[in-house]
Amino acid sequence: PRTMRSPPAAAASASLLLVALLLVAPPLGDSESPKGKQKPLRQREVYNGMCLQGPGGVPGRDGNPGINGIPGTPGIPGRDGLKGEKGECMRESIEESWTPNFKQCSWSALNYGIDLGKIAECTFTKMRSNSALRVLFSGSLRLKCKNACCQRWYFTFNGAECSGPLPIEAIIYLDQGSPELNSTINIHRTSSVEGLCEGISAGLVDVAIWVGTCADYPRGDASTGWNSVSRIIIEELPK
């Protein structure tokens, strides 16, 4: 009689056959495709002999501040310097601020031809007794004569010449002309008479410009302020 296999025995034979086939079959990684062998999954890409660099990562955060270090040791104390010289005893003084004080008198054309006397004057208000006056006359001056002569232009303050320290003056000296031609030099030049005068009291001061003679010389034919502007400038200055 024919013996029939049971269903469990047939299932066991099929399992053994499947295991045998898996052992004989080649690994899947070694199989070749029409395009060649496939690369491993984590193989590094190479381009022209150099590795391709991936994108940079996110910058990290700053760390926590460190703790203070150990304090250093104190330095060596310095030596005392040399003793200075004894100073002078000075008394402090508080001075009031100085306010500018000046005045100008001017004339378009004096054309004054006198040889002796006052030419022009300018009244000034002096604010302090312990100050000085700076005066200036600017204008055309001329002297002519056939023989040697000299003229003097000078300032007065309330009718008197400056004595602190000396008079304020200017002179013109002219040698003889040309008698054979019966002519003389006749040159008008803009000139100035200028100086400082001290010792004048505060208040109104009559400042004037005069013309006169020089010592030991005869006077000539003088002219002041011809065909031009003349001016007297007065300024009060601190001493």
C-alpha atoms as a PDB file:
ATOM      1  CA  PRO A   1       0.000   0.000   0.000  1.00  0.00           C
ATOM      2  CA  ARG A   2       1.213   3.676  -0.838  1.00  0.00           C
ATOM      3  CA  THR A   3       2.269   5.690   2.139  1.00  0.00           C
ATOM      4  CA  MET A   4       0.932   9.338   2.264  1.00  0.00           C
ATOM      5  CA  ARG A   5       3.067  12.257   3.854  1.00  0.00           C
ATOM      6  CA  SER A   6       1.454  14.354   6.410  1.00  0.00           C
ATOM      7  CA  PRO A   7       1.173  18.144   5.915  1.00  0.00           C
ATOM      8  CA  PRO A   8       3.732  19.009   8.653  1.00  0.00           C
ATOM      9  CA  ALA A   9       6.394  16.842   7.020  1.00  0.00           C
ATOM     10  CA  ALA A  10       5.890  18.617   3.662  1.00  0.00           C
ATOM     11  CA  ALA A  11       6.269  22.084   5.219  1.00  0.00           C
ATOM     12  CA  ALA A  12       9.551  21.089   6.886  1.00  0.00           C
ATOM     13  CA  SER A  13      11.012  19.907   3.569  1.00  0.00           C
ATOM     14  CA  ALA A  14      10.118  23.225   1.856  1.00  0.00           C
ATOM     15  CA  SER A  15      11.889  25.256   4.582  1.00  0.00           C
ATOM     16  CA  LEU A  16      15.116  23.261   4.230  1.00  0.00           C
ATOM     17  CA  LEU A  17      15.085  23.818   0.457  1.00  0.00           C
ATOM     18  CA  LEU A  18      14.747  27.638   0.869  1.00  0.00           C
ATOM     19  CA  VAL A  19      17.702  27.803   3.269  1.00  0.00           C
ATOM     20  CA  ALA A  20      19.856  25.884   0.805  1.00  0.00           C
ATOM     21  CA  LEU A  21      19.067  28.290  -1.996  1.00  0.00           C
ATOM     22  CA  LEU A  22      19.951  31.342   0.124  1.00  0.00           C
ATOM     23  CA  LEU A  23      23.356  29.862   0.982  1.00  0.00           C
ATOM     24  CA  VAL A  24      24.190  29.211  -2.675  1.00  0.00           C
ATOM     25  CA  ALA A  25      22.998  32.611  -4.074  1.00  0.00           C
ATOM     26  CA  PRO A  26      25.640  35.479  -4.342  1.00  0.00           C
ATOM     27  CA  PRO A  27      25.334  38.571  -2.086  1.00  0.00           C
ATOM     28  CA  LEU A  28      23.167  41.349  -3.386  1.00  0.00           C
ATOM     29  CA  GLY A  29      25.951  43.949  -2.947  1.00  0.00           C
ATOM     30  CA  ASP A  30      28.210  42.152  -5.391  1.00  0.00           C
ATOM     31  CA  SER A  31      25.697  42.053  -8.239  1.00  0.00           C
ATOM     32  CA  GLU A  32      26.521  44.163 -11.249  1.00  0.00           C
ATOM     33  CA  SER A  33      24.173  46.491 -13.056  1.00  0.00           C
ATOM     34  CA  PRO A  34      24.444  47.777 -16.640  1.00  0.00           C
ATOM     35  CA  LYS A  35      26.132  50.911 -15.283  1.00  0.00           C
ATOM     36  CA  GLY A  36      28.768  49.138 -13.196  1.00  0.00           C
ATOM     37  CA  LYS A  37      29.206  48.417  -9.543  1.00  0.00           C
ATOM     38  CA  GLN A  38      27.202  50.559  -7.131  1.00  0.00           C
ATOM     39  CA  LYS A  39      29.137  52.549  -4.518  1.00  0.00           C
ATOM     40  CA  PRO A  40      28.786  51.800  -0.824  1.00  0.00           C
ATOM     41  CA  LEU A  41      26.165  53.953   0.881  1.00  0.00           C
ATOM     42  CA  ARG A  42      28.657  55.943   2.986  1.00  0.00           C
ATOM     43  CA  GLN A  43      31.537  56.143   0.519  1.00  0.00           C
ATOM     44  CA  ARG A  44      33.044  59.765   0.381  1.00  0.00           C
ATOM     45  CA  GLU A  45      32.589  61.621  -2.891  1.00  0.00           C
ATOM     46  CA  VAL A  46      35.878  62.565  -4.629  1.00  0.00           C
ATOM     47  CA  TYR A  47      36.156  65.293  -7.319  1.00  0.00           C
ATOM     48  CA  ASN A  48      39.437  65.830  -9.246  1.00  0.00           C
ATOM     49  CA  GLY A  49      41.421  64.320  -6.378  1.00  0.00           C
ATOM     50  CA  MET A  50      40.022  66.701  -3.688  1.00  0.00           C
ATOM     51  CA  CYS A  51      37.399  66.125  -1.050  1.00  0.00           C
ATOM     52  CA  LEU A  52      34.261  68.261  -1.285  1.00  0.00           C
ATOM     53  CA  GLN A  53      33.731  70.306   1.913  1.00  0.00           C
ATOM     54  CA  GLY A  54      30.310  70.298   3.405  1.00  0.00           C
ATOM     55  CA  PRO A  55      28.426  73.450   4.622  1.00  0.00           C
ATOM     56  CA  GLY A  56      29.615  75.169   7.811  1.00  0.00           C
ATOM     57  CA  GLY A  57      27.879  74.536  11.046  1.00  0.00           C
ATOM     58  CA  VAL A  58      25.985  77.048  13.194  1.00  0.00           C
ATOM     59  CA  PRO A  59      28.411  79.320  15.227  1.00  0.00           C
ATOM     60  CA  GLY A  60      28.558  78.510  18.851  1.00  0.00           C
ATOM     61  CA  ARG A  61      27.592  80.879  21.660  1.00  0.00           C
ATOM     62  CA  ASP A  62      30.033  82.836  23.813  1.00  0.00           C
ATOM     63  CA  GLY A  63      31.029  81.170  26.980  1.00  0.00           C
ATOM     64  CA  ASN A  64      30.351  82.472  30.475  1.00  0.00           C
ATOM     65  CA  PRO A  65      32.749  85.198  31.776  1.00  0.00           C
ATOM     66  CA  GLY A  66      35.595  83.938  33.831  1.00  0.00           C
ATOM     67  CA  ILE A  67      36.111  84.817  37.470  1.00  0.00           C
ATOM     68  CA  ASN A  68      38.491  87.565  38.617  1.00  0.00           C
ATOM     69  CA  GLY A  69      42.104  86.665  38.988  1.00  0.00           C
ATOM     70  CA  ILE A  70      44.158  86.861  42.137  1.00  0.00           C
ATOM     71  CA  PRO A  71      45.058  90.513  43.073  1.00  0.00           C
ATOM     72  CA  GLY A  72      48.683  91.473  42.462  1.00  0.00           C
ATOM     73  CA  THR A  73      51.073  92.405  45.216  1.00  0.00           C
ATOM     74  CA  PRO A  74      51.509  96.145  46.084  1.00  0.00           C
ATOM     75  CA  GLY A  75      54.393  97.988  44.373  1.00  0.00           C
ATOM     76  CA  ILE A  76      57.416  99.499  46.050  1.00  0.00           C
ATOM     77  CA  PRO A  77      56.646 102.990  47.481  1.00  0.00           C
ATOM     78  CA  GLY A  78      58.318 105.912  45.628  1.00  0.00           C
ATOM     79  CA  ARG A  79      60.967 108.101  47.202  1.00  0.00           C
ATOM     80  CA  ASP A  80      60.433 111.710  48.217  1.00  0.00           C
ATOM     81  CA  GLY A  81      61.574 114.327  45.688  1.00  0.00           C
ATOM     82  CA  LEU A  82      64.094 117.074  46.228  1.00  0.00           C
ATOM     83  CA  LYS A  83      63.026 119.976  48.392  1.00  0.00           C
ATOM     84  CA  GLY A  84      61.917 122.979  46.366  1.00  0.00           C
ATOM     85  CA  GLU A  85      63.062 126.538  46.739  1.00  0.00           C
ATOM     86  CA  LYS A  86      61.235 128.876  49.044  1.00  0.00           C
ATOM     87  CA  GLY A  87      58.511 130.771  47.224  1.00  0.00           C
ATOM     88  CA  GLU A  88      57.852 134.477  47.309  1.00  0.00           C
ATOM     89  CA  CYS A  89      54.981 135.853  49.285  1.00  0.00           C
ATOM     90  CA  MET A  90      52.607 137.547  46.875  1.00  0.00           C
ATOM     91  CA  ARG A  91      49.473 139.435  47.704  1.00  0.00           C
ATOM     92  CA  GLU A  92      46.507 138.633  45.533  1.00  0.00           C
ATOM     93  CA  SER A  93      44.675 141.526  44.001  1.00  0.00           C
ATOM     94  CA  ILE A  94      41.356 141.562  42.207  1.00  0.00           C
ATOM     95  CA  GLU A  95      41.373 143.973  39.287  1.00  0.00           C
ATOM     96  CA  GLU A  96      38.273 145.224  37.593  1.00  0.00           C
ATOM     97  CA  SER A  97      37.831 144.346  33.944  1.00  0.00           C
ATOM     98  CA  TRP A  98      39.174 146.911  31.480  1.00  0.00           C
ATOM     99  CA  THR A  99      36.673 148.621  29.215  1.00  0.00           C
ATOM    100  CA  PRO A 100      38.087 150.031  25.930  1.00  0.00           C
ATOM    101  CA  ASN A 101      38.020 153.831  25.809  1.00  0.00           C
ATOM    102  CA  PHE A 102      39.065 155.637  22.626  1.00  0.00           C
ATOM    103  CA  LYS A 103      38.055 158.500  20.361  1.00  0.00           C
ATOM    104  CA  GLN A 104      38.837 159.804  16.882  1.00  0.00           C
ATOM    105  CA  CYS A 105      38.520 163.318  15.478  1.00  0.00           C
ATOM    106  CA  SER A 106      39.034 163.759  11.742  1.00  0.00           C
ATOM    107  CA  TRP A 107      39.021 166.512   9.124  1.00  0.00           C
ATOM    108  CA  SER A 108      38.601 166.112   5.362  1.00  0.00           C
ATOM    109  CA  ALA A 109      41.041 168.907   4.451  1.00  0.00           C
ATOM    110  CA  LEU A 110      42.599 171.181   7.063  1.00  0.00           C
ATOM    111  CA  ASN A 111      44.740 173.088   4.563  1.00  0.00           C
ATOM    112  CA  TYR A 112      46.203 174.965   7.514  1.00  0.00           C
ATOM    113  CA  GLY A 113      49.162 177.124   6.538  1.00  0.00           C
ATOM    114  CA  ILE A 114      50.194 178.618   9.913  1.00  0.00           C
ATOM    115  CA  ASP A 115      53.816 178.359  11.032  1.00  0.00           C
ATOM    116  CA  LEU A 116      53.230 178.881  14.774  1.00  0.00           C
ATOM    117  CA  GLY A 117      50.189 177.894  16.891  1.00  0.00           C
ATOM    118  CA  LYS A 118      47.402 175.351  17.430  1.00  0.00           C
ATOM    119  CA  ILE A 119      46.318 173.383  14.375  1.00  0.00           C
ATOM    120  CA  ALA A 120      43.468 171.160  15.664  1.00  0.00           C
ATOM    121  CA  GLU A 121      42.119 169.782  18.955  1.00  0.00           C
ATOM    122  CA  CYS A 122      40.011 166.862  20.209  1.00  0.00           C
ATOM    123  CA  THR A 123      38.393 166.630  23.684  1.00  0.00           C
ATOM    124  CA  PHE A 124      38.612 163.250  25.428  1.00  0.00           C
ATOM    125  CA  THR A 125      37.106 161.873  28.664  1.00  0.00           C
ATOM    126  CA  LYS A 126      39.746 159.980  30.651  1.00  0.00           C
ATOM    127  CA  MET A 127      38.196 157.356  32.972  1.00  0.00           C
ATOM    128  CA  ARG A 128      41.124 156.607  35.324  1.00  0.00           C
ATOM    129  CA  SER A 129      44.001 158.556  36.829  1.00  0.00           C
ATOM    130  CA  ASN A 130      46.413 155.578  36.820  1.00  0.00           C
ATOM    131  CA  SER A 131      46.179 155.026  33.050  1.00  0.00           C
ATOM    132  CA  ALA A 132      48.122 156.324  30.063  1.00  0.00           C
ATOM    133  CA  LEU A 133      46.933 158.117  26.936  1.00  0.00           C
ATOM    134  CA  ARG A 134      48.083 157.030  23.498  1.00  0.00           C
ATOM    135  CA  VAL A 135      47.731 159.828  20.944  1.00  0.00           C
ATOM    136  CA  LEU A 136      48.237 159.850  17.183  1.00  0.00           C
ATOM    137  CA  PHE A 137      48.087 162.608  14.579  1.00  0.00           C
ATOM    138  CA  SER A 138      48.132 161.510  10.935  1.00  0.00           C
ATOM    139  CA  GLY A 139      48.067 163.987   8.058  1.00  0.00           C
ATOM    140  CA  SER A 140      49.974 165.776   5.316  1.00  0.00           C
ATOM    141  CA  LEU A 141      52.954 167.905   6.463  1.00  0.00           C
ATOM    142  CA  ARG A 142      55.138 170.250   4.413  1.00  0.00           C
ATOM    143  CA  LEU A 143      58.006 172.673   4.971  1.00  0.00           C
ATOM    144  CA  LYS A 144      59.766 174.911   2.453  1.00  0.00           C
ATOM    145  CA  CYS A 145      62.380 177.646   2.650  1.00  0.00           C
ATOM    146  CA  LYS A 146      65.239 179.145   0.623  1.00  0.00           C
ATOM    147  CA  ASN A 147      67.647 178.845   3.531  1.00  0.00           C
ATOM    148  CA  ALA A 148      67.960 176.066   6.119  1.00  0.00           C
ATOM    149  CA  CYS A 149      64.860 175.867   8.360  1.00  0.00           C
ATOM    150  CA  CYS A 150      63.089 173.530  10.818  1.00  0.00           C
ATOM    151  CA  GLN A 151      59.522 173.145  12.077  1.00  0.00           C
ATOM    152  CA  ARG A 152      58.173 171.065  14.979  1.00  0.00           C
ATOM    153  CA  TRP A 153      54.718 169.455  15.340  1.00  0.00           C
ATOM    154  CA  TYR A 154      53.790 168.414  18.916  1.00  0.00           C
ATOM    155  CA  PHE A 155      50.896 167.451  21.230  1.00  0.00           C
ATOM    156  CA  THR A 156      49.570 169.297  24.283  1.00  0.00           C
ATOM    157  CA  PHE A 157      47.256 168.037  27.061  1.00  0.00           C
ATOM    158  CA  ASN A 158      45.112 170.758  28.594  1.00  0.00           C
ATOM    159  CA  GLY A 159      47.514 173.316  27.113  1.00  0.00           C
ATOM    160  CA  ALA A 160      50.772 171.733  28.372  1.00  0.00           C
ATOM    161  CA  GLU A 161      53.179 169.373  26.676  1.00  0.00           C
ATOM    162  CA  CYS A 162      53.548 165.837  28.012  1.00  0.00           C
ATOM    163  CA  SER A 163      55.986 165.431  30.909  1.00  0.00           C
ATOM    164  CA  GLY A 164      55.388 161.779  31.643  1.00  0.00           C
ATOM    165  CA  PRO A 165      57.955 161.021  30.549  1.00  0.00           C
ATOM    166  CA  LEU A 166      58.757 163.386  27.611  1.00  0.00           C
ATOM    167  CA  PRO A 167      57.047 165.556  24.965  1.00  0.00           C
ATOM    168  CA  ILE A 168      55.376 163.880  21.978  1.00  0.00           C
ATOM    169  CA  GLU A 169      56.724 165.531  18.815  1.00  0.00           C
ATOM    170  CA  ALA A 170      57.967 165.214  15.221  1.00  0.00           C
ATOM    171  CA  ILE A 171      60.165 167.613  13.220  1.00  0.00           C
ATOM    172  CA  ILE A 172      60.946 168.419   9.588  1.00  0.00           C
ATOM    173  CA  TYR A 173      64.307 169.938   8.713  1.00  0.00           C
ATOM    174  CA  LEU A 174      65.029 171.385   5.261  1.00  0.00           C
ATOM    175  CA  ASP A 175      68.374 172.563   3.948  1.00  0.00           C
ATOM    176  CA  GLN A 176      68.647 175.598   1.693  1.00  0.00           C
ATOM    177  CA  GLY A 177      67.119 175.484  -1.789  1.00  0.00           C
ATOM    178  CA  SER A 178      68.625 176.620  -5.079  1.00  0.00           C
ATOM    179  CA  PRO A 179      69.163 180.393  -4.978  1.00  0.00           C
ATOM    180  CA  GLU A 180      70.434 180.472  -8.548  1.00  0.00           C
ATOM    181  CA  LEU A 181      67.081 179.135  -9.787  1.00  0.00           C
ATOM    182  CA  ASN A 182      65.104 181.086  -7.162  1.00  0.00           C
ATOM    183  CA  SER A 183      63.207 177.936  -6.287  1.00  0.00           C
ATOM    184  CA  THR A 184      62.541 175.826  -3.183  1.00  0.00           C
ATOM    185  CA  ILE A 185      61.495 172.234  -2.511  1.00  0.00           C
ATOM    186  CA  ASN A 186      57.731 171.961  -1.993  1.00  0.00           C
ATOM    187  CA  ILE A 187      56.808 168.358  -1.071  1.00  0.00           C
ATOM    188  CA  HIS A 188      53.687 167.423   0.940  1.00  0.00           C
ATOM    189  CA  ARG A 189      53.942 164.022   2.665  1.00  0.00           C
ATOM    190  CA  THR A 190      51.517 162.168   4.904  1.00  0.00           C
ATOM    191  CA  SER A 191      53.293 161.875   8.254  1.00  0.00           C
ATOM    192  CA  SER A 192      52.418 160.953  11.839  1.00  0.00           C
ATOM    193  CA  VAL A 193      53.081 162.228  15.360  1.00  0.00           C
ATOM    194  CA  GLU A 194      52.528 159.513  17.968  1.00  0.00           C
ATOM    195  CA  GLY A 195      53.320 158.630  21.588  1.00  0.00           C
ATOM    196  CA  LEU A 196      52.172 157.685  25.120  1.00  0.00           C
ATOM    197  CA  CYS A 197      51.685 160.162  27.936  1.00  0.00           C
ATOM    198  CA  GLU A 198      51.293 159.247  31.630  1.00  0.00           C
ATOM    199  CA  GLY A 199      50.407 161.238  34.727  1.00  0.00           C
ATOM    200  CA  ILE A 200      47.238 162.855  33.349  1.00  0.00           C
ATOM    201  CA  SER A 201      44.302 163.089  35.769  1.00  0.00           C
ATOM    202  CA  ALA A 202      40.909 161.563  35.049  1.00  0.00           C
ATOM    203  CA  GLY A 203      38.229 163.744  33.481  1.00  0.00           C
ATOM    204  CA  LEU A 204      38.020 165.910  30.381  1.00  0.00           C
ATOM    205  CA  VAL A 205      41.337 166.321  28.566  1.00  0.00           C
ATOM    206  CA  ASP A 206      41.837 168.793  25.719  1.00  0.00           C
ATOM    207  CA  VAL A 207      44.252 167.064  23.323  1.00  0.00           C
ATOM    208  CA  ALA A 208      45.663 169.378  20.612  1.00  0.00           C
ATOM    209  CA  ILE A 209      48.278 169.289  17.845  1.00  0.00           C
ATOM    210  CA  TRP A 210      50.500 172.388  17.435  1.00  0.00           C
ATOM    211  CA  VAL A 211      53.253 173.600  15.102  1.00  0.00           C
ATOM    212  CA  GLY A 212      56.281 175.611  16.224  1.00  0.00           C
ATOM    213  CA  THR A 213      59.979 176.163  15.675  1.00  0.00           C
ATOM    214  CA  CYS A 214      62.951 173.958  16.429  1.00  0.00           C
ATOM    215  CA  ALA A 215      65.648 175.154  18.834  1.00  0.00           C
ATOM    216  CA  ASP A 216      68.478 177.169  17.178  1.00  0.00           C
ATOM    217  CA  TYR A 217      66.890 177.024  13.690  1.00  0.00           C
ATOM    218  CA  PRO A 218      64.729 179.626  11.919  1.00  0.00           C
ATOM    219  CA  ARG A 219      61.222 178.710  10.993  1.00  0.00           C
ATOM    220  CA  GLY A 220      60.157 178.120   7.418  1.00  0.00           C
ATOM    221  CA  ASP A 221      56.868 178.010   5.528  1.00  0.00           C
ATOM    222  CA  ALA A 222      54.840 175.169   7.118  1.00  0.00           C
ATOM    223  CA  SER A 223      51.643 173.552   5.881  1.00  0.00           C
ATOM    224  CA  THR A 224      49.416 170.930   7.583  1.00  0.00           C
ATOM    225  CA  GLY A 225      46.617 168.772   6.143  1.00  0.00           C
ATOM    226  CA  TRP A 226      46.844 169.842   2.516  1.00  0.00           C
ATOM    227  CA  ASN A 227      44.333 168.222   0.179  1.00  0.00           C
ATOM    228  CA  SER A 228      43.897 165.065   2.327  1.00  0.00           C
ATOM    229  CA  VAL A 229      42.223 163.661   5.460  1.00  0.00           C
ATOM    230  CA  SER A 230      43.817 164.424   8.826  1.00  0.00           C
ATOM    231  CA  ARG A 231      42.916 162.719  12.120  1.00  0.00           C
ATOM    232  CA  ILE A 232      43.679 162.634  15.846  1.00  0.00           C
ATOM    233  CA  ILE A 233      43.186 159.281  17.614  1.00  0.00           C
ATOM    234  CA  ILE A 234      43.154 159.084  21.439  1.00  0.00           C
ATOM    235  CA  GLU A 235      43.100 155.835  23.419  1.00  0.00           C
ATOM    236  CA  GLU A 236      43.223 155.173  27.165  1.00  0.00           C
ATOM    237  CA  LEU A 237      45.486 152.254  28.114  1.00  0.00           C
ATOM    238  CA  PRO A 238      46.085 150.431  31.444  1.00  0.00           C
ATOM    239  CA  LYS A 239      49.505 150.813  33.040  1.00  0.00           C
END
